[in-house]
PDB file of N, CA and C in Angstrom:
ATOM      1  N   MET A   1      27.043 -15.633 -10.789  1.00  0.00           N
ATOM      2  CA  MET A   1      27.804 -15.801  -9.795  1.00  0.00           C
ATOM      3  C   MET A   1      27.086 -14.848  -8.020  1.00  0.00           C
ATOM      4  N   GLU A   2      27.643 -15.304  -7.086  1.00  0.00           N
ATOM      5  CA  GLU A   2      27.082 -15.609  -5.791  1.00  0.00           C
ATOM      6  C   GLU A   2      27.800 -14.353  -5.076  1.00  0.00           C
ATOM      7  N   HIS A   3      26.855 -13.020  -5.110  1.00  0.00           N
ATOM      8  CA  HIS A   3      27.200 -11.854  -4.012  1.00  0.00           C
ATOM      9  C   HIS A   3      27.582 -12.231  -3.135  1.00  0.00           C
ATOM     10  N   HIS A   4      27.833 -10.562  -2.468  1.00  0.00           N
ATOM     11  CA  HIS A   4      28.237 -10.768  -0.975  1.00  0.00           C
ATOM     12  C   HIS A   4      29.144  -9.592  -0.498  1.00  0.00           C
ATOM     13  N   ALA A   5      28.784  -9.096   0.589  1.00  0.00           N
ATOM     14  CA  ALA A   5      29.031  -8.249   1.022  1.00  0.00           C
ATOM     15  C   ALA A   5      30.221  -7.815   1.930  1.00  0.00           C
ATOM     16  N   ASP A   6      30.921  -6.518   1.396  1.00  0.00           N
ATOM     17  CA  ASP A   6      32.103  -6.195   2.894  1.00  0.00           C
ATOM     18  C   ASP A   6      31.424  -6.176   3.593  1.00  0.00           C
ATOM     19  N   PHE A   7      30.108  -5.229   3.593  1.00  0.00           N
ATOM     20  CA  PHE A   7      30.071  -4.401   5.113  1.00  0.00           C
ATOM     21  C   PHE A   7      28.880  -4.525   5.106  1.00  0.00           C
ATOM     22  N   ALA A   8      27.990  -5.051   6.160  1.00  0.00           N
ATOM     23  CA  ALA A   8      26.333  -4.873   6.119  1.00  0.00           C
ATOM     24  C   ALA A   8      25.811  -3.801   7.134  1.00  0.00           C
ATOM     25  N   ILE A   9      24.440  -3.869   7.589  1.00  0.00           N
ATOM     26  CA  ILE A   9      23.792  -2.908   8.478  1.00  0.00           C
ATOM     27  C   ILE A   9      22.177  -3.860   8.609  1.00  0.00           C
ATOM     28  N   PRO A  10      21.844  -4.061  10.066  1.00  0.00           N
ATOM     29  CA  PRO A  10      20.632  -4.761   9.598  1.00  0.00           C
ATOM     30  C   PRO A  10      19.558  -3.585   9.704  1.00  0.00           C
ATOM     31  N   LEU A  11      18.394  -3.855   9.697  1.00  0.00           N
ATOM     32  CA  LEU A  11      17.153  -3.162   9.248  1.00  0.00           C
ATOM     33  C   LEU A  11      16.406  -2.713  10.712  1.00  0.00           C
ATOM     34  N   ALA A  12      16.421  -1.802  10.812  1.00  0.00           N
ATOM     35  CA  ALA A  12      15.190  -1.262  11.965  1.00  0.00           C
ATOM     36  C   ALA A  12      13.464  -1.930  11.933  1.00  0.00           C
ATOM     37  N   GLN A  13      13.404  -1.303  10.744  1.00  0.00           N
ATOM     38  CA  GLN A  13      11.889  -2.247  10.004  1.00  0.00           C
ATOM     39  C   GLN A  13      11.905  -2.850   9.294  1.00  0.00           C
ATOM     40  N   THR A  14      10.443  -3.735   9.611  1.00  0.00           N
ATOM     41  CA  THR A  14      10.689  -5.058   8.521  1.00  0.00           C
ATOM     42  C   THR A  14      10.029  -4.657   6.888  1.00  0.00           C
ATOM     43  N   LEU A  15      10.920  -4.713   6.187  1.00  0.00           N
ATOM     44  CA  LEU A  15      10.889  -4.332   4.493  1.00  0.00           C
ATOM     45  C   LEU A  15      10.776  -5.807   4.097  1.00  0.00           C
ATOM     46  N   VAL A  16       9.825  -6.352   3.174  1.00  0.00           N
ATOM     47  CA  VAL A  16       9.660  -7.746   2.665  1.00  0.00           C
ATOM     48  C   VAL A  16       9.741  -7.164   0.924  1.00  0.00           C
ATOM     49  N   VAL A  17      10.217  -7.682   0.391  1.00  0.00           N
ATOM     50  CA  VAL A  17      10.885  -7.789  -0.915  1.00  0.00           C
ATOM     51  C   VAL A  17      10.513  -8.923  -1.842  1.00  0.00           C
ATOM     52  N   GLU A  18      10.462  -8.736  -3.264  1.00  0.00           N
ATOM     53  CA  GLU A  18       9.673  -9.561  -3.822  1.00  0.00           C
ATOM     54  C   GLU A  18      11.177  -9.232  -5.597  1.00  0.00           C
ATOM     55  N   THR A  19      11.722 -10.519  -5.191  1.00  0.00           N
ATOM     56  CA  THR A  19      12.714 -10.443  -6.647  1.00  0.00           C
ATOM     57  C   THR A  19      12.657 -11.337  -8.206  1.00  0.00           C
ATOM     58  N   ASP A  20      13.207 -10.643  -8.874  1.00  0.00           N
ATOM     59  CA  ASP A  20      13.131 -11.793 -10.263  1.00  0.00           C
ATOM     60  C   ASP A  20      14.372 -12.860 -10.041  1.00  0.00           C
ATOM     61  N   HIS A  21      14.805 -12.906  -8.644  1.00  0.00           N
ATOM     62  CA  HIS A  21      16.340 -13.886  -8.582  1.00  0.00           C
ATOM     63  C   HIS A  21      15.833 -15.227  -8.395  1.00  0.00           C
ATOM     64  N   GLN A  22      16.216 -16.167  -9.578  1.00  0.00           N
ATOM     65  CA  GLN A  22      15.380 -17.393  -9.231  1.00  0.00           C
ATOM     66  C   GLN A  22      16.221 -17.898  -8.399  1.00  0.00           C
ATOM     67  N   ARG A  23      15.321 -19.041  -7.417  1.00  0.00           N
ATOM     68  CA  ARG A  23      15.407 -19.806  -6.655  1.00  0.00           C
ATOM     69  C   ARG A  23      16.215 -21.407  -7.211  1.00  0.00           C
ATOM     70  N   PRO A  24      17.209 -21.328  -6.681  1.00  0.00           N
ATOM     71  CA  PRO A  24      18.694 -22.429  -7.077  1.00  0.00           C
ATOM     72  C   PRO A  24      17.693 -23.949  -7.703  1.00  0.00           C
ATOM     73  N   ASN A  25      16.590 -24.066  -6.997  1.00  0.00           N
ATOM     74  CA  ASN A  25      16.179 -25.574  -7.422  1.00  0.00           C
ATOM     75  C   ASN A  25      15.078 -25.062  -8.649  1.00  0.00           C
ATOM     76  N   GLY A  26      15.053 -23.965  -9.038  1.00  0.00           N
ATOM     77  CA  GLY A  26      14.207 -23.247 -10.686  1.00  0.00           C
ATOM     78  C   GLY A  26      12.743 -23.288  -9.763  1.00  0.00           C
ATOM     79  N   ASP A  27      12.114 -23.450  -8.697  1.00  0.00           N
ATOM     80  CA  ASP A  27      11.299 -23.328  -8.158  1.00  0.00           C
ATOM     81  C   ASP A  27      10.759 -21.963  -7.402  1.00  0.00           C
ATOM     82  N   GLY A  28      10.115 -21.036  -8.511  1.00  0.00           N
ATOM     83  CA  GLY A  28      10.003 -19.877  -8.017  1.00  0.00           C
ATOM     84  C   GLY A  28      10.886 -19.002  -7.950  1.00  0.00           C
ATOM     85  N   THR A  29      10.479 -17.537  -7.737  1.00  0.00           N
ATOM     86  CA  THR A  29      11.796 -16.608  -7.215  1.00  0.00           C
ATOM     87  C   THR A  29      12.197 -15.967  -5.642  1.00  0.00           C
ATOM     88  N   ILE A  30      13.355 -15.484  -5.449  1.00  0.00           N
ATOM     89  CA  ILE A  30      13.494 -15.195  -3.501  1.00  0.00           C
ATOM     90  C   ILE A  30      12.679 -14.080  -3.701  1.00  0.00           C
ATOM     91  N   ALA A  31      11.613 -14.038  -2.254  1.00  0.00           N
ATOM     92  CA  ALA A  31      11.049 -13.169  -2.074  1.00  0.00           C
ATOM     93  C   ALA A  31      11.344 -13.448  -0.154  1.00  0.00           C
ATOM     94  N   GLY A  32      10.715 -12.665   0.135  1.00  0.00           N
ATOM     95  CA  GLY A  32      10.685 -12.710   1.953  1.00  0.00           C
ATOM     96  C   GLY A  32      10.840 -11.388   2.545  1.00  0.00           C
ATOM     97  N   PRO A  33      11.598 -11.148   3.919  1.00  0.00           N
ATOM     98  CA  PRO A  33      12.057 -10.323   4.904  1.00  0.00           C
ATOM     99  C   PRO A  33      13.359  -9.883   4.376  1.00  0.00           C
ATOM    100  N   VAL A  34      13.685  -8.441   4.162  1.00  0.00           N
ATOM    101  CA  VAL A  34      15.271  -8.038   3.989  1.00  0.00           C
ATOM    102  C   VAL A  34      15.873  -8.222   5.832  1.00  0.00           C
ATOM    103  N   LEU A  35      16.859  -8.790   5.995  1.00  0.00           N
ATOM    104  CA  LEU A  35      17.540  -9.071   7.150  1.00  0.00           C
ATOM    105  C   LEU A  35      18.710  -7.679   7.235  1.00  0.00           C
ATOM    106  N   ALA A  36      19.392  -7.767   6.190  1.00  0.00           N
ATOM    107  CA  ALA A  36      20.550  -5.964   6.375  1.00  0.00           C
ATOM    108  C   ALA A  36      20.583  -5.850   5.113  1.00  0.00           C
ATOM    109  N   LEU A  37      20.978  -4.603   4.813  1.00  0.00           N
ATOM    110  CA  LEU A  37      21.410  -4.021   3.336  1.00  0.00           C
ATOM    111  C   LEU A  37      23.178  -3.978   3.597  1.00  0.00           C
ATOM    112  N   GLY A  38      23.585  -4.454   2.773  1.00  0.00           N
ATOM    113  CA  GLY A  38      25.405  -4.397   2.433  1.00  0.00           C
ATOM    114  C   GLY A  38      25.565  -4.004   1.017  1.00  0.00           C
ATOM    115  N   TRP A  39      27.184  -3.961   0.995  1.00  0.00           N
ATOM    116  CA  TRP A  39      27.916  -2.911  -0.203  1.00  0.00           C
ATOM    117  C   TRP A  39      29.135  -3.614   0.341  1.00  0.00           C
ATOM    118  N   TRP A  40      29.902  -3.403  -1.131  1.00  0.00           N
ATOM    119  CA  TRP A  40      31.361  -3.933  -0.751  1.00  0.00           C
ATOM    120  C   TRP A  40      32.138  -2.770  -1.090  1.00  0.00           C
ATOM    121  N   VAL A  41      33.777  -3.126  -1.277  1.00  0.00           N
ATOM    122  CA  VAL A  41      34.620  -1.867  -0.987  1.00  0.00           C
ATOM    123  C   VAL A  41      35.497  -2.439  -2.150  1.00  0.00           C
ATOM    124  N   ASP A  42      35.885  -1.833  -2.949  1.00  0.00           N
ATOM    125  CA  ASP A  42      37.245  -1.861  -3.965  1.00  0.00           C
ATOM    126  C   ASP A  42      37.800  -1.726  -3.082  1.00  0.00           C
ATOM    127  N   LYS A  43      39.374  -2.976  -3.280  1.00  0.00           N
ATOM    128  CA  LYS A  43      40.272  -2.786  -2.978  1.00  0.00           C
ATOM    129  C   LYS A  43      41.511  -1.691  -3.303  1.00  0.00           C
ATOM    130  N   PRO A  44      42.244  -1.054  -2.534  1.00  0.00           N
ATOM    131  CA  PRO A  44      42.677  -0.193  -3.977  1.00  0.00           C
ATOM    132  C   PRO A  44      43.867  -1.394  -4.954  1.00  0.00           C
ATOM    133  N   GLY A  45      43.977  -0.822  -5.844  1.00  0.00           N
ATOM    134  CA  GLY A  45      45.150  -1.681  -6.884  1.00  0.00           C
ATOM    135  C   GLY A  45      44.081  -3.142  -7.422  1.00  0.00           C
ATOM    136  N   ASP A  46      42.888  -2.860  -7.439  1.00  0.00           N
ATOM    137  CA  ASP A  46      41.723  -4.117  -7.975  1.00  0.00           C
ATOM    138  C   ASP A  46      41.339  -3.536  -9.499  1.00  0.00           C
ATOM    139  N   PRO A  47      42.092  -4.601 -10.457  1.00  0.00           N
ATOM    140  CA  PRO A  47      41.060  -4.425 -11.692  1.00  0.00           C
ATOM    141  C   PRO A  47      39.996  -3.486 -11.257  1.00  0.00           C
ATOM    142  N   PRO A  48      39.156  -2.935 -12.026  1.00  0.00           N
ATOM    143  CA  PRO A  48      37.381  -2.411 -12.256  1.00  0.00           C
ATOM    144  C   PRO A  48      37.026  -3.527 -12.268  1.00  0.00           C
ATOM    145  N   ARG A  49      35.653  -3.222 -11.784  1.00  0.00           N
ATOM    146  CA  ARG A  49      34.630  -4.490 -11.650  1.00  0.00           C
ATOM    147  C   ARG A  49      34.208  -4.832 -13.150  1.00  0.00           C
ATOM    148  N   GLU A  50      33.758  -6.040 -13.591  1.00  0.00           N
ATOM    149  CA  GLU A  50      33.026  -6.061 -15.188  1.00  0.00           C
ATOM    150  C   GLU A  50      31.822  -5.797 -15.121  1.00  0.00           C
ATOM    151  N   GLY A  51      30.715  -5.566 -16.168  1.00  0.00           N
ATOM    152  CA  GLY A  51      29.358  -5.241 -15.794  1.00  0.00           C
ATOM    153  C   GLY A  51      28.968  -4.092 -15.348  1.00  0.00           C
ATOM    154  N   PRO A  52      27.957  -3.966 -15.421  1.00  0.00           N
ATOM    155  CA  PRO A  52      27.030  -3.203 -14.605  1.00  0.00           C
ATOM    156  C   PRO A  52      27.340  -2.700 -13.156  1.00  0.00           C
ATOM    157  N   PRO A  53      27.571  -1.960 -12.192  1.00  0.00           N
ATOM    158  CA  PRO A  53      27.415  -1.795 -11.248  1.00  0.00           C
ATOM    159  C   PRO A  53      25.882  -2.400 -10.126  1.00  0.00           C
ATOM    160  N   THR A  54      26.373  -3.082  -9.393  1.00  0.00           N
ATOM    161  CA  THR A  54      25.217  -3.735  -8.474  1.00  0.00           C
ATOM    162  C   THR A  54      24.471  -3.004  -7.604  1.00  0.00           C
ATOM    163  N   GLY A  55      25.061  -1.901  -7.046  1.00  0.00           N
ATOM    164  CA  GLY A  55      24.588  -1.228  -6.509  1.00  0.00           C
ATOM    165  C   GLY A  55      24.411  -1.965  -4.606  1.00  0.00           C
ATOM    166  N   THR A  56      22.968  -1.315  -4.363  1.00  0.00           N
ATOM    167  CA  THR A  56      23.191  -1.936  -2.669  1.00  0.00           C
ATOM    168  C   THR A  56      22.531  -3.341  -3.049  1.00  0.00           C
ATOM    169  N   LEU A  57      23.050  -4.369  -1.624  1.00  0.00           N
ATOM    170  CA  LEU A  57      22.704  -5.312  -1.889  1.00  0.00           C
ATOM    171  C   LEU A  57      21.636  -5.740  -0.415  1.00  0.00           C
ATOM    172  N   TYR A  58      20.500  -6.381  -0.632  1.00  0.00           N
ATOM    173  CA  TYR A  58      20.191  -6.810  -0.056  1.00  0.00           C
ATOM    174  C   TYR A  58      19.810  -8.415   0.695  1.00  0.00           C
ATOM    175  N   LEU A  59      20.027  -8.839   1.969  1.00  0.00           N
ATOM    176  CA  LEU A  59      20.213  -9.917   2.535  1.00  0.00           C
ATOM    177  C   LEU A  59      18.357 -10.207   2.679  1.00  0.00           C
ATOM    178  N   VAL A  60      17.927 -11.369   2.027  1.00  0.00           N
ATOM    179  CA  VAL A  60      16.596 -11.654   2.269  1.00  0.00           C
ATOM    180  C   VAL A  60      16.584 -13.104   2.514  1.00  0.00           C
ATOM    181  N   ALA A  61      15.665 -13.428   3.743  1.00  0.00           N
ATOM    182  CA  ALA A  61      15.830 -14.460   4.285  1.00  0.00           C
ATOM    183  C   ALA A  61      14.270 -15.041   3.471  1.00  0.00           C
ATOM    184  N   ASP A  62      14.798 -15.803   2.332  1.00  0.00           N
ATOM    185  CA  ASP A  62      13.628 -16.964   2.006  1.00  0.00           C
ATOM    186  C   ASP A  62      13.217 -18.463   2.741  1.00  0.00           C
ATOM    187  N   GLU A  63      11.923 -18.261   3.070  1.00  0.00           N
ATOM    188  CA  GLU A  63      12.252 -19.464   4.101  1.00  0.00           C
ATOM    189  C   GLU A  63      12.250 -20.878   3.371  1.00  0.00           C
ATOM    190  N   SER A  64      12.137 -20.673   1.811  1.00  0.00           N
ATOM    191  CA  SER A  64      12.286 -22.078   1.328  1.00  0.00           C
ATOM    192  C   SER A  64      13.825 -22.603   1.233  1.00  0.00           C
ATOM    193  N   GLN A  65      14.520 -21.217   0.954  1.00  0.00           N
ATOM    194  CA  GLN A  65      16.319 -21.900   1.141  1.00  0.00           C
ATOM    195  C   GLN A  65      16.911 -22.000   2.773  1.00  0.00           C
ATOM    196  N   PRO A  66      17.990 -22.832   2.230  1.00  0.00           N
ATOM    197  CA  PRO A  66      18.645 -23.419   3.607  1.00  0.00           C
ATOM    198  C   PRO A  66      19.489 -22.503   4.127  1.00  0.00           C
ATOM    199  N   ARG A  67      19.845 -20.809   3.865  1.00  0.00           N
ATOM    200  CA  ARG A  67      20.136 -19.566   4.362  1.00  0.00           C
ATOM    201  C   ARG A  67      19.625 -18.686   3.641  1.00  0.00           C
ATOM    202  N   PRO A  68      20.004 -16.845   4.316  1.00  0.00           N
ATOM    203  CA  PRO A  68      19.432 -15.847   3.686  1.00  0.00           C
ATOM    204  C   PRO A  68      20.055 -15.534   2.019  1.00  0.00           C
ATOM    205  N   VAL A  69      20.136 -14.884   1.364  1.00  0.00           N
ATOM    206  CA  VAL A  69      20.240 -14.801   0.052  1.00  0.00           C
ATOM    207  C   VAL A  69      20.498 -13.480  -0.064  1.00  0.00           C
ATOM    208  N   TRP A  70      21.769 -13.199  -0.584  1.00  0.00           N
ATOM    209  CA  TRP A  70      22.105 -11.752  -0.834  1.00  0.00           C
ATOM    210  C   TRP A  70      21.641 -11.228  -2.356  1.00  0.00           C
ATOM    211  N   VAL A  71      20.679 -10.497  -2.778  1.00  0.00           N
ATOM    212  CA  VAL A  71      20.444 -10.169  -3.800  1.00  0.00           C
ATOM    213  C   VAL A  71      20.207  -8.631  -4.212  1.00  0.00           C
ATOM    214  N   THR A  72      21.161  -8.262  -5.330  1.00  0.00           N
ATOM    215  CA  THR A  72      20.743  -7.005  -6.294  1.00  0.00           C
ATOM    216  C   THR A  72      20.184  -6.195  -6.207  1.00  0.00           C
ATOM    217  N   GLN A  73      20.044  -4.992  -5.769  1.00  0.00           N
ATOM    218  CA  GLN A  73      18.619  -3.925  -6.200  1.00  0.00           C
ATOM    219  C   GLN A  73      18.309  -3.928  -7.518  1.00  0.00           C
ATOM    220  N   GLY A  74      18.711  -4.187  -8.026  1.00  0.00           N
ATOM    221  CA  GLY A  74      17.973  -3.916  -9.695  1.00  0.00           C
ATOM    222  C   GLY A  74      17.630  -5.333  -9.988  1.00  0.00           C
ATOM    223  N   ARG A  75      17.259  -6.449  -9.032  1.00  0.00           N
ATOM    224  CA  ARG A  75      16.753  -7.639  -9.079  1.00  0.00           C
ATOM    225  C   ARG A  75      15.405  -7.788  -8.474  1.00  0.00           C
ATOM    226  N   LEU A  76      15.385  -6.680  -7.766  1.00  0.00           N
ATOM    227  CA  LEU A  76      13.766  -6.348  -6.657  1.00  0.00           C
ATOM    228  C   LEU A  76      12.432  -6.187  -8.030  1.00  0.00           C
ATOM    229  N   THR A  77      11.457  -6.598  -7.648  1.00  0.00           N
ATOM    230  CA  THR A  77      10.661  -6.582  -8.065  1.00  0.00           C
ATOM    231  C   THR A  77       9.309  -5.418  -7.574  1.00  0.00           C
ATOM    232  N   SER A  78       9.337  -6.125  -6.338  1.00  0.00           N
ATOM    233  CA  SER A  78       8.144  -5.174  -5.189  1.00  0.00           C
ATOM    234  C   SER A  78       8.386  -4.951  -3.695  1.00  0.00           C
ATOM    235  N   PHE A  79       8.398  -4.271  -3.372  1.00  0.00           N
ATOM    236  CA  PHE A  79       8.585  -4.323  -1.859  1.00  0.00           C
ATOM    237  C   PHE A  79       7.455  -3.772  -0.921  1.00  0.00           C
ATOM    238  N   ARG A  80       7.781  -4.047   0.372  1.00  0.00           N
ATOM    239  CA  ARG A  80       6.537  -3.378   1.200  1.00  0.00           C
ATOM    240  C   ARG A  80       7.241  -3.326   3.043  1.00  0.00           C
ATOM    241  N   LEU A  81       6.874  -2.313   3.411  1.00  0.00           N
ATOM    242  CA  LEU A  81       7.292  -1.621   4.718  1.00  0.00           C
ATOM    243  C   LEU A  81       5.844  -2.441   5.476  1.00  0.00           C
ATOM    244  N   GLU A  82       6.483  -3.120   6.939  1.00  0.00           N
ATOM    245  CA  GLU A  82       5.593  -3.692   7.682  1.00  0.00           C
ATOM    246  C   GLU A  82       5.517  -3.037   9.464  1.00  0.00           C
ATOM    247  N   PRO A  83       4.604  -2.802   9.271  1.00  0.00           N
ATOM    248  CA  PRO A  83       4.758  -2.193  11.068  1.00  0.00           C
ATOM    249  C   PRO A  83       5.476  -2.852  12.117  1.00  0.00           C
TER     250      PRO A  83
END
């Protein structure tokens, strides 16, 4: 399942992450600077979500991909802040 965010905020500082989220072509994992943090809102009356909660979503700009990718917080394997 591809994740999406109902709401997102841009980051004021450069956060670079590595993940265990496989690239669609199978060549490595998604990694790069985070453009925004996102989250979703369950609509009233919607059935409960299945599976574990995903928490915060990270919009990662992996330059090998045609567009940024939403990655769940549980898929992060490392991070660093850049000045």
